[in-house]
Amino acid sequence: MPRGSFALIDSKALQHNYQVACQRSGQSSAMAVIKADGYGHGIAGVARALAAVAPKFAVACIEEAIAIRNAGVGQQPVALLEGVHSEQDLATCIENNFEPVLHCDDQLQWLVRAPAAPRIWLKVNTGMNRLGFHTEELAQVMATLAQHQLASKVIGFVTHFACADDERSTMTQQQTERFEKAIAPWPELQRSVANSAALFRPGQKLFGWSRPGIMLYGASPIVGTSAAELGLKSVMTLQAPLISTRLLQPGDSVGYGADWVASKPTRMGIVALGYGDGYPRHAGTGTPAAIHGQRIQLIGRVSMDMLAVDLSTAPAALNGDPVELWGATVPVDEVAGHAGTIGYELLTSVTARVPRRWC
């Protein structure tokens, strides 16, 4: 019999968050970003849940795009945000209606040598300095494409913001201005700039396509603002059972390193989930969890397969009771804060040992 630890995935919450993204997008269309195995939720389930509402998906690489098709979702175009990683992948893109993002000279050369080409996006480097052509290179790139009768394959331009989550930063405005100036010679082509955070920036230009990602999964894309304040619902509830309870006496310690020592009689519970399941090892004493909707706290170090909680605020808890490690009661962003990281990392770190159950 399984140990009872799993991630419950709420399809209605996912669909709700996508609708919030559409509302924030205004006249723009929203391509749903479901890379990294649907941000840890399971790419097949996420694609199926959004298939009826999202006109386009976006993933990092072709393997993820193929996983969408293998899930039976065969209609929507899929943008490949890293483009292709070999010349041979271009034929796969044509066959499957994938839209690779062209971001470097190597990819450009693969494209001009190929016997046929898929529809493509061009990545513009406006200051993130990861991928993309510099703004002054665009004219030559477009000229090369035209020379090889490939200009008609260009759907439009994309860029990515470095600081959209920080409303105090002016960099997003600067990047937007650079982007507009760089692509001005081709007004007929589409544009995509807005990640989740940008959708919540007052006055941000959104152009034709937004790219909501983390917000779809109920985590906040904005520094200092909770997901609930943005109207988002938690999609994943990470849950595991209590498998042991005991009464600790003053002076008793818990777990590796004896990091936590009881100062008074304390009822403690052991939860069947640890860093081997993707729970952050650095989430220490005081990190919130919940049982029967009542908040409790972690004590001591997280182990590979287990963690300890203080049951003082949940005196009725019994072995077998489910503990919420994050979800509707305890936001994943709050747990991430205690672990010194971000909700993105926690969601995508849940391992295959934890079954995903859709509801």
Protein backbone atom coordinates (compact mmCIF):
# COMPACT_ATOMS: atom_id res chain seq x y z
CA MET A 1 0.00 0.00 0.00
CA PRO A 2 1.43 3.45 -0.90
CA ARG A 3 2.58 5.65 1.95
CA GLY A 4 -0.09 8.28 1.26
CA SER A 5 2.17 11.17 0.23
CA PHE A 6 1.08 12.89 -2.98
CA ALA A 7 0.58 16.17 -4.81
CA LEU A 8 -3.08 16.96 -5.43
CA ILE A 9 -3.49 19.05 -8.60
CA ASP A 10 -6.64 21.17 -8.89
CA SER A 11 -7.59 21.53 -12.56
CA LYS A 12 -10.29 24.12 -11.83
CA ALA A 13 -7.80 26.31 -9.97
CA LEU A 14 -5.43 26.03 -12.94
CA GLN A 15 -8.18 27.07 -15.33
CA HIS A 16 -9.17 29.93 -13.00
CA ASN A 17 -5.61 31.25 -12.97
CA TYR A 18 -5.43 31.07 -16.75
CA GLN A 19 -8.60 33.15 -16.94
CA VAL A 20 -6.99 35.71 -14.61
CA ALA A 21 -4.05 35.81 -17.04
CA CYS A 22 -6.45 36.39 -19.94
CA GLN A 23 -8.18 39.19 -18.04
CA ARG A 24 -4.83 40.81 -17.25
CA SER A 25 -3.75 40.40 -20.89
CA GLY A 26 -6.54 42.63 -22.18
CA GLN A 27 -6.49 42.56 -25.98
CA SER A 28 -3.43 40.27 -26.01
CA SER A 29 -3.70 36.52 -26.37
CA ALA A 30 -2.16 34.38 -23.62
CA MET A 31 0.10 31.46 -24.53
CA ALA A 32 0.25 29.16 -21.51
CA VAL A 33 3.81 28.43 -20.40
CA ILE A 34 3.92 24.79 -19.26
CA LYS A 35 7.64 24.05 -19.37
CA ALA A 36 9.54 22.13 -16.64
CA ASP A 37 6.89 19.40 -16.57
CA GLY A 38 4.16 21.97 -16.18
CA TYR A 39 6.10 23.68 -13.37
CA GLY A 40 6.19 20.34 -11.59
CA HIS A 41 2.47 19.66 -11.92
CA GLY A 42 2.76 17.19 -14.82
CA ILE A 43 2.90 18.55 -18.36
CA ALA A 44 0.39 16.05 -19.76
CA GLY A 45 -2.27 16.90 -17.20
CA VAL A 46 -1.66 20.64 -17.48
CA ALA A 47 -1.92 20.53 -21.29
CA ARG A 48 -5.15 18.55 -21.13
CA ALA A 49 -6.64 20.87 -18.50
CA LEU A 50 -5.89 23.97 -20.60
CA ALA A 51 -6.45 22.51 -24.06
CA ALA A 52 -9.96 23.91 -24.39
CA VAL A 53 -9.00 27.47 -23.45
CA ALA A 54 -5.36 28.18 -24.33
CA PRO A 55 -4.74 28.97 -28.03
CA LYS A 56 -1.00 28.30 -27.77
CA PHE A 57 1.45 26.65 -25.39
CA ALA A 58 5.07 27.55 -24.67
CA VAL A 59 7.79 25.20 -23.44
CA ALA A 60 11.57 25.32 -23.15
CA CYS A 61 12.56 22.48 -25.45
CA ILE A 62 11.31 20.08 -28.07
CA GLU A 63 11.09 17.13 -25.65
CA GLU A 64 8.45 19.02 -23.70
CA ALA A 65 6.55 19.87 -26.87
CA ILE A 66 6.53 16.21 -27.89
CA ALA A 67 5.19 15.30 -24.44
CA ILE A 68 2.20 17.58 -25.13
CA ARG A 69 1.48 15.77 -28.38
CA ASN A 70 1.92 12.40 -26.67
CA ALA A 71 -0.68 13.52 -24.14
CA GLY A 72 -3.19 13.70 -26.97
CA VAL A 73 -3.19 17.49 -27.27
CA GLY A 74 -2.60 17.91 -30.96
CA GLN A 75 -4.17 21.18 -32.03
CA GLN A 76 -2.46 24.14 -30.40
CA PRO A 77 0.84 25.47 -31.72
CA VAL A 78 3.69 25.07 -29.23
CA ALA A 79 6.40 27.72 -29.00
CA LEU A 80 9.89 26.40 -28.14
CA LEU A 81 11.46 29.16 -26.04
CA GLU A 82 15.01 27.80 -26.42
CA GLY A 83 14.43 26.98 -30.06
CA VAL A 84 15.83 23.76 -31.50
CA HIS A 85 19.05 22.10 -30.37
CA SER A 86 19.87 20.42 -33.68
CA GLU A 87 19.18 20.94 -37.36
CA GLN A 88 17.24 17.66 -37.45
CA ASP A 89 14.67 19.04 -35.02
CA LEU A 90 13.37 21.47 -37.64
CA ALA A 91 11.55 18.71 -39.49
CA THR A 92 9.92 17.60 -36.22
CA CYS A 93 8.73 21.17 -35.71
CA ILE A 94 7.09 21.24 -39.13
CA GLU A 95 5.36 17.90 -38.57
CA ASN A 96 3.99 18.86 -35.16
CA ASN A 97 3.17 22.57 -35.52
CA PHE A 98 5.97 23.63 -33.17
CA GLU A 99 7.18 27.24 -33.35
CA PRO A 100 10.87 27.44 -32.40
CA VAL A 101 12.38 30.68 -31.19
CA LEU A 102 15.45 31.61 -33.22
CA HIS A 103 18.03 33.23 -30.94
CA CYS A 104 21.55 32.66 -32.34
CA ASP A 105 23.59 32.38 -35.51
CA ASP A 106 23.91 28.59 -35.29
CA GLN A 107 20.15 28.21 -35.39
CA LEU A 108 19.94 30.69 -38.23
CA GLN A 109 22.41 28.63 -40.27
CA TRP A 110 20.50 25.41 -39.57
CA LEU A 111 17.36 27.11 -40.80
CA VAL A 112 18.79 28.41 -44.08
CA ARG A 113 20.34 24.99 -44.86
CA ALA A 114 17.18 23.01 -44.12
CA PRO A 115 15.05 21.80 -47.05
CA ALA A 116 11.96 23.21 -45.31
CA ALA A 117 11.39 25.53 -42.40
CA PRO A 118 8.79 25.80 -39.62
CA ARG A 119 7.19 29.04 -38.55
CA ILE A 120 9.58 30.81 -36.17
CA TRP A 121 9.86 33.59 -33.60
CA LEU A 122 12.94 35.81 -33.34
CA LYS A 123 14.39 36.45 -29.87
CA VAL A 124 15.58 40.00 -29.19
CA ASN A 125 18.12 40.61 -26.43
CA THR A 126 16.96 43.82 -24.75
CA GLY A 127 19.04 43.49 -21.59
CA MET A 128 18.46 40.06 -20.04
CA ASN A 129 21.66 38.92 -21.81
CA ARG A 130 20.87 35.22 -21.87
CA LEU A 131 19.52 34.48 -25.34
CA GLY A 132 18.65 36.56 -28.37
CA PHE A 133 20.03 38.71 -31.14
CA HIS A 134 21.26 42.15 -30.20
CA THR A 135 18.94 44.87 -31.40
CA GLU A 136 21.47 46.09 -33.98
CA GLU A 137 21.69 42.59 -35.49
CA LEU A 138 18.01 42.26 -36.35
CA ALA A 139 18.20 43.96 -39.73
CA GLN A 140 20.91 41.56 -40.93
CA VAL A 141 19.04 38.54 -39.56
CA MET A 142 15.89 39.60 -41.37
CA ALA A 143 17.88 40.25 -44.54
CA THR A 144 19.41 36.75 -44.38
CA LEU A 145 15.97 35.21 -43.94
CA ALA A 146 14.63 37.20 -46.89
CA GLN A 147 17.59 36.17 -49.04
CA HIS A 148 16.67 32.52 -48.48
CA GLN A 149 12.92 33.09 -49.00
CA LEU A 150 12.26 32.55 -45.28
CA ALA A 151 10.89 35.95 -44.27
CA SER A 152 7.34 34.63 -44.51
CA LYS A 153 8.17 32.05 -41.83
CA VAL A 154 8.73 34.73 -39.18
CA ILE A 155 5.70 34.99 -36.87
CA GLY A 156 7.11 37.80 -34.79
CA PHE A 157 9.52 38.90 -32.08
CA VAL A 158 9.92 37.98 -28.42
CA THR A 159 11.98 39.30 -25.55
CA HIS A 160 12.19 38.49 -21.86
CA PHE A 161 12.21 40.83 -18.88
CA ALA A 162 14.87 40.65 -16.18
CA CYS A 163 13.16 42.62 -13.40
CA ALA A 164 9.41 42.59 -14.08
CA ASP A 165 8.76 41.14 -10.62
CA ASP A 166 10.23 44.24 -8.94
CA GLU A 167 7.91 47.21 -9.32
CA ARG A 168 10.65 49.56 -8.11
CA SER A 169 12.90 48.73 -11.05
CA THR A 170 12.87 50.84 -14.20
CA MET A 171 14.56 48.14 -16.27
CA THR A 172 11.33 46.70 -17.62
CA GLN A 173 10.36 50.05 -19.08
CA GLN A 174 13.83 50.39 -20.60
CA GLN A 175 13.65 46.92 -22.13
CA THR A 176 10.19 47.62 -23.54
CA GLU A 177 11.44 50.82 -25.18
CA ARG A 178 14.47 49.04 -26.67
CA PHE A 179 12.23 46.29 -27.99
CA GLU A 180 9.78 48.70 -29.62
CA LYS A 181 12.56 50.66 -31.27
CA ALA A 182 14.35 47.55 -32.54
CA ILE A 183 11.31 45.96 -34.17
CA ALA A 184 9.74 49.15 -35.52
CA PRO A 185 10.72 48.35 -39.16
CA TRP A 186 8.42 45.30 -39.14
CA PRO A 187 5.07 46.51 -37.78
CA GLU A 188 3.18 43.67 -39.46
CA LEU A 189 4.82 41.01 -37.27
CA GLN A 190 3.57 39.86 -33.88
CA ARG A 191 5.17 40.72 -30.53
CA SER A 192 5.45 38.94 -27.20
CA VAL A 193 7.03 40.34 -24.05
CA ALA A 194 4.83 39.85 -20.99
CA ASN A 195 5.63 37.13 -18.49
CA SER A 196 3.43 36.65 -15.41
CA ALA A 197 4.99 39.53 -13.52
CA ALA A 198 4.61 41.95 -16.42
CA LEU A 199 0.87 41.27 -16.53
CA PHE A 200 0.58 42.94 -13.13
CA ARG A 201 2.75 45.99 -13.87
CA PRO A 202 0.62 49.13 -14.18
CA GLY A 203 0.84 50.63 -17.66
CA GLN A 204 2.95 47.83 -19.12
CA LYS A 205 2.56 47.39 -22.88
CA LEU A 206 1.48 43.81 -23.58
CA PHE A 207 1.48 43.70 -27.41
CA GLY A 208 -0.06 40.68 -29.14
CA TRP A 209 0.94 37.70 -27.00
CA SER A 210 1.52 37.40 -23.27
CA ARG A 211 3.34 34.42 -21.73
CA PRO A 212 1.88 33.65 -18.29
CA GLY A 213 3.85 30.99 -16.43
CA ILE A 214 4.15 30.84 -12.64
CA MET A 215 0.84 32.61 -12.07
CA LEU A 216 -0.99 29.72 -13.73
CA TYR A 217 0.09 27.50 -10.86
CA GLY A 218 -1.05 29.81 -8.08
CA ALA A 219 2.29 31.28 -7.00
CA SER A 220 2.99 34.99 -6.97
CA PRO A 221 5.17 36.56 -9.67
CA ILE A 222 5.46 39.86 -7.77
CA VAL A 223 7.95 40.53 -4.97
CA GLY A 224 6.13 41.37 -1.74
CA THR A 225 2.63 40.52 -3.03
CA SER A 226 0.87 37.25 -2.26
CA ALA A 227 -0.83 35.10 -4.85
CA ALA A 228 -4.16 35.55 -3.05
CA GLU A 229 -3.81 39.33 -3.33
CA LEU A 230 -3.44 38.86 -7.10
CA GLY A 231 -6.60 36.77 -7.29
CA LEU A 232 -4.76 33.48 -7.88
CA LYS A 233 -5.64 30.07 -6.47
CA SER A 234 -3.23 27.38 -5.33
CA VAL A 235 -3.09 24.52 -7.85
CA MET A 236 -0.81 22.02 -6.08
CA THR A 237 -1.41 20.75 -2.56
CA LEU A 238 1.62 18.81 -1.35
CA GLN A 239 0.31 16.38 1.24
CA ALA A 240 1.70 13.57 3.39
CA PRO A 241 0.45 11.63 6.41
CA LEU A 242 1.52 11.71 10.02
CA ILE A 243 3.21 8.37 10.67
CA SER A 244 4.26 8.87 14.28
CA THR A 245 3.45 11.10 17.24
CA ARG A 246 5.16 11.33 20.61
CA LEU A 247 5.37 13.60 23.63
CA LEU A 248 8.77 15.21 23.99
CA GLN A 249 10.03 16.29 27.38
CA PRO A 250 12.14 19.39 28.10
CA GLY A 251 15.66 18.72 26.88
CA ASP A 252 14.64 16.19 24.21
CA SER A 253 16.03 16.95 20.73
CA VAL A 254 14.68 16.06 17.30
CA GLY A 255 16.45 14.79 14.20
CA TYR A 256 19.90 15.16 12.73
CA GLY A 257 22.28 17.51 14.47
CA ALA A 258 19.88 17.80 17.43
CA ASP A 259 19.11 21.25 16.05
CA TRP A 260 15.85 21.66 17.92
CA VAL A 261 15.50 21.01 21.65
CA ALA A 262 12.19 21.05 23.53
CA SER A 263 11.94 23.72 26.19
CA LYS A 264 8.62 22.38 27.49
CA PRO A 265 6.50 19.25 27.03
CA THR A 266 5.74 19.20 23.30
CA ARG A 267 3.65 16.85 21.21
CA MET A 268 5.56 16.13 18.03
CA GLY A 269 4.55 14.44 14.78
CA ILE A 270 6.61 12.83 12.02
CA VAL A 271 5.42 13.43 8.44
CA ALA A 272 6.25 10.95 5.65
CA LEU A 273 7.90 13.40 3.27
CA GLY A 274 11.37 14.93 3.02
CA TYR A 275 13.98 16.36 0.71
CA GLY A 276 14.04 13.10 -1.26
CA ASP A 277 10.53 14.05 -2.33
CA GLY A 278 11.54 17.58 -3.27
CA TYR A 279 10.66 19.35 -0.03
CA PRO A 280 13.37 21.95 0.65
CA ARG A 281 16.01 20.76 3.11
CA HIS A 282 16.67 24.34 4.19
CA ALA A 283 13.12 24.85 5.43
CA GLY A 284 13.91 24.89 9.12
CA THR A 285 12.15 25.32 12.42
CA GLY A 286 9.17 27.65 12.13
CA THR A 287 8.31 26.81 8.52
CA PRO A 288 4.50 26.52 8.37
CA ALA A 289 2.47 23.46 7.49
CA ALA A 290 -1.17 22.64 8.24
CA ILE A 291 -3.34 19.81 9.48
CA HIS A 292 -7.16 19.91 9.29
CA GLY A 293 -6.80 23.55 8.21
CA GLN A 294 -4.90 24.42 11.40
CA ARG A 295 -1.41 25.80 11.02
CA ILE A 296 1.50 23.98 12.62
CA GLN A 297 5.28 24.43 12.36
CA LEU A 298 8.27 22.36 11.37
CA ILE A 299 10.89 21.63 14.03
CA GLY A 300 14.45 20.50 13.47
CA ARG A 301 16.08 19.50 10.20
CA VAL A 302 14.24 18.08 7.22
CA SER A 303 15.42 14.52 6.53
CA MET A 304 15.44 12.67 3.20
CA ASP A 305 12.15 10.85 3.83
CA MET A 306 10.62 12.58 6.85
CA LEU A 307 10.21 15.84 8.66
CA ALA A 308 9.05 16.74 12.17
CA VAL A 309 6.26 19.11 13.18
CA ASP A 310 5.12 20.67 16.44
CA LEU A 311 1.51 19.58 17.08
CA SER A 312 0.88 21.99 19.95
CA THR A 313 -1.65 23.93 17.89
CA ALA A 314 -3.32 20.76 16.58
CA PRO A 315 -3.86 18.62 19.70
CA ALA A 316 -6.43 16.35 18.00
CA ALA A 317 -4.01 15.22 15.26
CA LEU A 318 -3.57 11.45 14.96
CA ASN A 319 -1.39 9.05 13.03
CA GLY A 320 -2.63 8.83 9.46
CA ASP A 321 -3.97 12.37 9.37
CA PRO A 322 -2.95 14.27 6.20
CA VAL A 323 -0.54 17.18 6.59
CA GLU A 324 -0.50 20.00 4.02
CA LEU A 325 3.09 21.02 3.32
CA TRP A 326 1.87 23.71 0.96
CA GLY A 327 -1.43 24.45 -0.72
CA ALA A 328 -4.52 26.54 0.01
CA THR A 329 -3.78 27.00 3.73
CA VAL A 330 0.00 27.40 3.47
CA PRO A 331 1.06 29.20 0.25
CA VAL A 332 4.05 27.70 -1.52
CA ASP A 333 5.64 31.16 -1.62
CA GLU A 334 5.57 31.31 2.18
CA VAL A 335 7.35 27.98 2.48
CA ALA A 336 9.86 29.15 -0.13
CA GLY A 337 10.56 32.27 1.91
CA HIS A 338 11.44 30.16 4.94
CA ALA A 339 13.73 28.03 2.76
CA GLY A 340 15.49 31.04 1.21
CA THR A 341 14.24 30.37 -2.30
CA ILE A 342 11.23 30.99 -4.56
CA GLY A 343 7.98 29.16 -5.24
CA TYR A 344 9.15 28.30 -8.76
CA GLU A 345 11.92 26.10 -7.38
CA LEU A 346 9.72 24.29 -4.88
CA LEU A 347 7.03 23.42 -7.42
CA THR A 348 9.47 22.16 -10.01
CA SER A 349 11.52 20.20 -7.45
CA VAL A 350 8.81 17.78 -6.35
CA THR A 351 10.22 14.42 -7.38
CA ALA A 352 8.70 11.54 -9.32
CA ARG A 353 8.41 9.63 -6.04
CA VAL A 354 5.41 11.86 -5.24
CA PRO A 355 2.37 10.84 -7.31
CA ARG A 356 0.34 13.64 -8.94
CA ARG A 357 -3.38 13.23 -8.49
CA TRP A 358 -5.73 15.40 -10.51
CA CYS A 359 -9.08 16.61 -9.29
